[in-house]
Amino acid sequence: MYSFDYVRPSGVTEAAGAAGENDRFLAGGQTLLPTLKLRLSEADKLIDLGGIPDLKGISVSGSEVTIGAMTRHADVAGSAEVKSAIPALAHLASLIGDPQVRNRGTIGGSIANNDPAADYPAALVGLGATVHTNKRSIAAEDFFVDLFETALEDGELVTKVSFPVPEKAGYAKFPNPASRFALTGVFVAKTSGGVRVAVTGAGPCVFRQREMEAALYGNFSPDAVASIRTDPSDLNADIHASAEYRAHLISVMAARAVKAAK
């Protein structure tokens, strides 16, 4: 691990003000700390967000669920409010990693890292969520840009995420048995404005499956998507699964997500 300075601010303004060009915000640390330890990344300064109470917590107001950026996966998974308003979101959080990861990792850290196999991006895009930062509000589809890339600018940090409550939603994934990351995960949400289908794990970045959305709009059932095939040409291929296999999994996981939707 390369040397760095460490600060623990007590507020968002202080945290943002402390950030320089080669400084990093520390949330749960589930990706950042191992990469620092292995010297795969470096920082002049680590800005620990753990001492900012305003970044933590879950609230439900009307038809919207708001989750603070430093809220842990375990808290989302166990929240009675989330389970009541968006059961699929609580279920998704319960599938992230293992108990150790869920009790350290945070929603803000996960989406800011934008790992292509992370679960939360599918929920944000599938539900049409909004990411709030210390500077602005960003629609989820505009927030996730590409592999490990987001719309965040230097010195900008996620403060919370707001999720519209759908009529029903479901999530299903085929996990890597070791890491529990999604080889392919699909989040399906039915709203008054239509249906959204978001896919994670299969490509370099979360994306919507428009053909499945159109099919589910007319017939919200597993049969409507089970036979729809996704073009594998732009999908990931690695030692765990070929692009063709991930394309197949999109259809299978989409059908399971629809069946589980509530």
Protein backbone atom coordinates (compact mmCIF):
# COMPACT_ATOMS: atom_id res chain seq x y z
CA MET A 1 0.00 0.00 0.00
CA TYR A 2 1.29 3.45 -0.92
CA SER A 3 1.29 6.12 1.79
CA PHE A 4 -1.59 8.60 2.06
CA ASP A 5 -3.07 11.17 4.42
CA TYR A 6 -6.31 10.38 6.24
CA VAL A 7 -9.09 12.77 7.24
CA ARG A 8 -12.52 12.12 8.76
CA PRO A 9 -14.79 15.14 8.17
CA SER A 10 -18.05 15.64 10.08
CA GLY A 11 -20.08 17.19 7.25
CA VAL A 12 -20.62 17.02 3.49
CA THR A 13 -19.29 20.52 2.85
CA GLU A 14 -16.14 19.77 4.82
CA ALA A 15 -15.66 16.49 2.96
CA ALA A 16 -16.05 18.08 -0.46
CA GLY A 17 -13.75 20.92 0.50
CA ALA A 18 -11.03 18.51 1.56
CA ALA A 19 -10.95 16.72 -1.80
CA GLY A 20 -8.00 17.38 -4.08
CA GLU A 21 -7.17 16.07 -7.53
CA ASN A 22 -5.77 12.71 -6.42
CA ASP A 23 -7.85 12.19 -3.27
CA ARG A 24 -10.48 9.48 -2.76
CA PHE A 25 -13.68 9.34 -0.75
CA LEU A 26 -13.90 6.28 1.50
CA ALA A 27 -17.36 4.79 2.02
CA GLY A 28 -17.58 1.10 2.95
CA GLY A 29 -14.14 0.42 1.48
CA GLN A 30 -15.04 -2.98 0.04
CA THR A 31 -13.31 -2.23 -3.26
CA LEU A 32 -11.11 0.76 -2.52
CA LEU A 33 -9.18 -0.70 0.43
CA PRO A 34 -8.23 -3.99 -1.27
CA THR A 35 -7.07 -2.15 -4.40
CA LEU A 36 -5.01 0.23 -2.27
CA LYS A 37 -3.52 -2.68 -0.35
CA LEU A 38 -2.50 -4.40 -3.59
CA ARG A 39 -1.14 -1.12 -5.02
CA LEU A 40 -3.62 -1.30 -7.89
CA SER A 41 -4.67 2.24 -7.00
CA GLU A 42 -3.31 5.08 -4.92
CA ALA A 43 -4.47 8.31 -3.32
CA ASP A 44 -2.81 11.33 -1.80
CA LYS A 45 -5.59 11.47 0.78
CA LEU A 46 -8.45 9.25 1.95
CA ILE A 47 -11.53 11.19 3.02
CA ASP A 48 -13.54 8.93 5.34
CA LEU A 49 -17.28 9.62 5.04
CA GLY A 50 -18.15 7.41 8.02
CA GLY A 51 -18.40 10.35 10.42
CA ILE A 52 -21.12 12.21 8.51
CA PRO A 53 -24.51 11.35 10.04
CA ASP A 54 -26.45 13.19 7.31
CA LEU A 55 -25.34 10.56 4.78
CA LYS A 56 -27.01 7.69 6.62
CA GLY A 57 -30.62 6.56 6.91
CA ILE A 58 -33.75 5.46 5.06
CA SER A 59 -36.98 7.41 4.69
CA VAL A 60 -40.26 6.88 2.86
CA SER A 61 -42.33 9.87 1.84
CA GLY A 62 -45.42 9.37 -0.28
CA SER A 63 -44.39 7.40 -3.36
CA GLU A 64 -40.62 7.69 -2.88
CA VAL A 65 -37.97 5.84 -0.90
CA THR A 66 -34.80 7.79 -0.10
CA ILE A 67 -31.62 6.07 1.05
CA GLY A 68 -28.55 7.92 2.33
CA ALA A 69 -25.29 7.21 0.54
CA MET A 70 -23.59 5.75 3.63
CA THR A 71 -26.46 3.38 4.40
CA ARG A 72 -25.18 -0.19 4.53
CA HIS A 73 -26.53 -3.00 2.38
CA ALA A 74 -27.61 -4.87 5.52
CA ASP A 75 -29.70 -1.90 6.62
CA VAL A 76 -31.51 -1.77 3.27
CA ALA A 77 -32.05 -5.52 3.29
CA GLY A 78 -33.47 -5.45 6.81
CA SER A 79 -35.53 -2.26 6.57
CA ALA A 80 -39.23 -2.80 7.20
CA GLU A 81 -39.94 0.42 5.28
CA VAL A 82 -38.07 -0.76 2.19
CA LYS A 83 -39.62 -4.22 2.40
CA SER A 84 -43.07 -2.64 2.47
CA ALA A 85 -42.54 -0.03 -0.27
CA ILE A 86 -40.16 -1.84 -2.67
CA PRO A 87 -39.69 -5.48 -1.62
CA ALA A 88 -37.47 -6.18 -4.63
CA LEU A 89 -34.97 -3.55 -3.50
CA ALA A 90 -34.64 -5.12 -0.05
CA HIS A 91 -34.30 -8.53 -1.68
CA LEU A 92 -31.56 -7.27 -4.00
CA ALA A 93 -29.61 -5.83 -1.05
CA SER A 94 -29.87 -9.15 0.77
CA LEU A 95 -28.08 -10.89 -2.12
CA ILE A 96 -25.02 -8.63 -2.15
CA GLY A 97 -21.80 -10.43 -1.20
CA ASP A 98 -21.81 -12.11 2.21
CA PRO A 99 -22.77 -10.87 5.71
CA GLN A 100 -19.39 -9.21 6.18
CA VAL A 101 -19.72 -7.27 2.93
CA ARG A 102 -23.35 -6.33 3.61
CA ASN A 103 -22.44 -4.97 7.03
CA ARG A 104 -19.64 -2.76 5.66
CA GLY A 105 -20.55 -1.92 2.07
CA THR A 106 -22.76 1.10 1.29
CA ILE A 107 -25.12 2.01 -1.50
CA GLY A 108 -23.20 5.20 -2.29
CA GLY A 109 -19.86 3.43 -2.47
CA SER A 110 -21.30 0.71 -4.68
CA ILE A 111 -22.81 2.97 -7.29
CA ALA A 112 -19.85 5.39 -7.30
CA ASN A 113 -17.54 2.44 -8.02
CA ASN A 114 -19.90 1.14 -10.76
CA ASP A 115 -18.56 -2.37 -10.94
CA PRO A 116 -20.13 -3.99 -14.03
CA ALA A 117 -21.31 -6.94 -11.92
CA ALA A 118 -22.73 -4.95 -9.00
CA ASP A 119 -26.39 -5.36 -8.06
CA TYR A 120 -27.47 -1.82 -7.17
CA PRO A 121 -27.08 -0.31 -10.67
CA ALA A 122 -29.84 -2.63 -11.92
CA ALA A 123 -32.18 -1.39 -9.19
CA LEU A 124 -31.42 2.27 -9.87
CA VAL A 125 -31.93 2.02 -13.62
CA GLY A 126 -34.83 -0.41 -13.33
CA LEU A 127 -36.72 1.83 -10.93
CA GLY A 128 -35.77 5.10 -12.64
CA ALA A 129 -34.01 6.36 -9.51
CA THR A 130 -32.29 9.70 -9.03
CA VAL A 131 -28.76 10.06 -7.62
CA HIS A 132 -28.29 13.18 -5.50
CA THR A 133 -24.83 14.62 -4.95
CA ASN A 134 -23.44 17.63 -3.13
CA LYS A 135 -23.78 19.54 -6.42
CA ARG A 136 -26.79 18.24 -8.38
CA SER A 137 -29.34 15.50 -9.07
CA ILE A 138 -28.63 12.93 -11.79
CA ALA A 139 -31.02 10.43 -13.38
CA ALA A 140 -29.71 6.89 -12.92
CA GLU A 141 -29.43 6.27 -16.66
CA ASP A 142 -27.19 9.32 -16.96
CA PHE A 143 -25.19 8.47 -13.84
CA PHE A 144 -23.80 5.12 -15.03
CA VAL A 145 -21.58 5.90 -18.01
CA ASP A 146 -19.34 2.89 -18.74
CA LEU A 147 -17.09 0.29 -17.12
CA PHE A 148 -16.18 1.65 -13.64
CA GLU A 149 -17.16 5.12 -14.91
CA THR A 150 -19.90 7.43 -13.66
CA ALA A 151 -20.99 11.02 -14.24
CA LEU A 152 -19.36 12.11 -10.97
CA GLU A 153 -16.90 14.98 -11.29
CA ASP A 154 -13.82 15.66 -9.15
CA GLY A 155 -14.84 16.58 -5.62
CA GLU A 156 -18.43 15.45 -6.16
CA LEU A 157 -19.86 12.86 -3.80
CA VAL A 158 -23.12 10.97 -3.66
CA THR A 159 -25.32 12.06 -0.75
CA LYS A 160 -28.48 9.99 -1.29
CA VAL A 161 -30.54 8.03 -3.81
CA SER A 162 -34.30 8.43 -4.28
CA PHE A 163 -36.39 5.58 -5.70
CA PRO A 164 -39.95 5.98 -7.05
CA VAL A 165 -42.22 3.26 -5.64
CA PRO A 166 -43.39 1.01 -8.51
CA GLU A 167 -46.63 -0.92 -8.86
CA LYS A 168 -44.53 -4.07 -8.62
CA ALA A 169 -40.91 -5.07 -9.11
CA GLY A 170 -38.67 -8.10 -9.02
CA TYR A 171 -34.96 -8.96 -9.16
CA ALA A 172 -33.18 -12.19 -10.03
CA LYS A 173 -29.50 -12.90 -10.56
CA PHE A 174 -27.16 -15.77 -11.35
CA PRO A 175 -24.33 -15.19 -8.86
CA ASN A 176 -20.69 -16.05 -9.07
CA PRO A 177 -20.50 -18.73 -6.35
CA ALA A 178 -17.34 -17.24 -4.83
CA SER A 179 -17.86 -13.47 -4.92
CA ARG A 180 -21.68 -13.39 -5.19
CA PHE A 181 -21.31 -10.74 -7.87
CA ALA A 182 -23.88 -11.06 -10.64
CA LEU A 183 -22.78 -13.02 -13.69
CA THR A 184 -26.11 -11.68 -14.88
CA GLY A 185 -28.83 -9.92 -12.90
CA VAL A 186 -32.12 -8.50 -14.11
CA PHE A 187 -34.36 -5.97 -12.34
CA VAL A 188 -37.91 -5.58 -13.64
CA ALA A 189 -40.27 -2.81 -12.56
CA LYS A 190 -43.85 -2.10 -13.58
CA THR A 191 -45.04 1.47 -13.12
CA SER A 192 -48.00 3.55 -14.23
CA GLY A 193 -45.83 4.81 -17.08
CA GLY A 194 -44.72 1.43 -18.37
CA VAL A 195 -42.19 -1.30 -17.69
CA ARG A 196 -38.43 -1.03 -17.18
CA VAL A 197 -35.96 -3.91 -17.47
CA ALA A 198 -32.38 -3.29 -16.34
CA VAL A 199 -29.53 -5.77 -16.79
CA THR A 200 -26.32 -5.90 -14.76
CA GLY A 201 -23.34 -8.25 -14.90
CA ALA A 202 -23.81 -9.15 -18.55
CA GLY A 203 -22.24 -6.07 -20.14
CA PRO A 204 -19.56 -3.47 -19.36
CA CYS A 205 -22.23 -1.31 -17.73
CA VAL A 206 -25.85 -1.66 -16.64
CA PHE A 207 -28.29 -1.32 -19.55
CA ARG A 208 -32.00 -1.51 -20.35
CA GLN A 209 -33.46 -4.37 -22.41
CA ARG A 210 -35.98 -2.45 -24.50
CA GLU A 211 -37.42 -5.43 -26.37
CA MET A 212 -38.36 -7.08 -23.09
CA GLU A 213 -39.88 -3.82 -21.81
CA ALA A 214 -42.16 -3.64 -24.85
CA ALA A 215 -43.19 -7.27 -24.48
CA LEU A 216 -43.95 -6.91 -20.76
CA TYR A 217 -45.94 -3.73 -21.31
CA GLY A 218 -48.53 -5.78 -23.18
CA ASN A 219 -48.23 -8.93 -21.10
CA PHE A 220 -46.52 -8.78 -17.71
CA SER A 221 -45.73 -12.47 -17.39
CA PRO A 222 -42.60 -14.67 -17.47
CA ASP A 223 -43.67 -16.14 -20.82
CA ALA A 224 -43.48 -12.69 -22.43
CA VAL A 225 -39.68 -12.52 -22.00
CA ALA A 226 -38.56 -16.14 -21.80
CA SER A 227 -38.07 -16.45 -25.56
CA ILE A 228 -36.53 -13.00 -26.18
CA ARG A 229 -32.84 -13.23 -26.99
CA THR A 230 -30.25 -10.53 -26.35
CA ASP A 231 -27.47 -9.92 -28.89
CA PRO A 232 -24.26 -11.23 -27.26
CA SER A 233 -21.88 -9.16 -29.40
CA ASP A 234 -21.53 -6.37 -26.81
CA LEU A 235 -21.66 -8.56 -23.69
CA ASN A 236 -18.86 -9.60 -21.35
CA ALA A 237 -16.91 -12.82 -21.80
CA ASP A 238 -14.44 -14.15 -19.24
CA ILE A 239 -13.37 -17.30 -17.39
CA HIS A 240 -16.73 -17.42 -15.62
CA ALA A 241 -19.11 -17.22 -18.59
CA SER A 242 -19.14 -16.59 -22.32
CA ALA A 243 -21.06 -13.72 -23.88
CA GLU A 244 -23.52 -16.23 -25.34
CA TYR A 245 -24.16 -17.78 -21.96
CA ARG A 246 -24.74 -14.36 -20.38
CA ALA A 247 -27.18 -13.56 -23.19
CA HIS A 248 -29.07 -16.75 -22.35
CA LEU A 249 -29.05 -15.86 -18.65
CA ILE A 250 -30.68 -12.49 -19.37
CA SER A 251 -33.79 -14.28 -20.65
CA VAL A 252 -33.82 -16.73 -17.75
CA MET A 253 -33.25 -14.12 -15.05
CA ALA A 254 -35.79 -11.73 -16.60
CA ALA A 255 -38.46 -14.43 -16.49
CA ARG A 256 -37.60 -15.20 -12.86
CA ALA A 257 -37.67 -11.51 -11.94
CA VAL A 258 -41.12 -11.09 -13.46
CA LYS A 259 -42.36 -14.19 -11.64
CA ALA A 260 -40.99 -12.84 -8.35
CA ALA A 261 -42.35 -9.32 -8.87
CA LYS A 262 -44.61 -7.98 -6.12
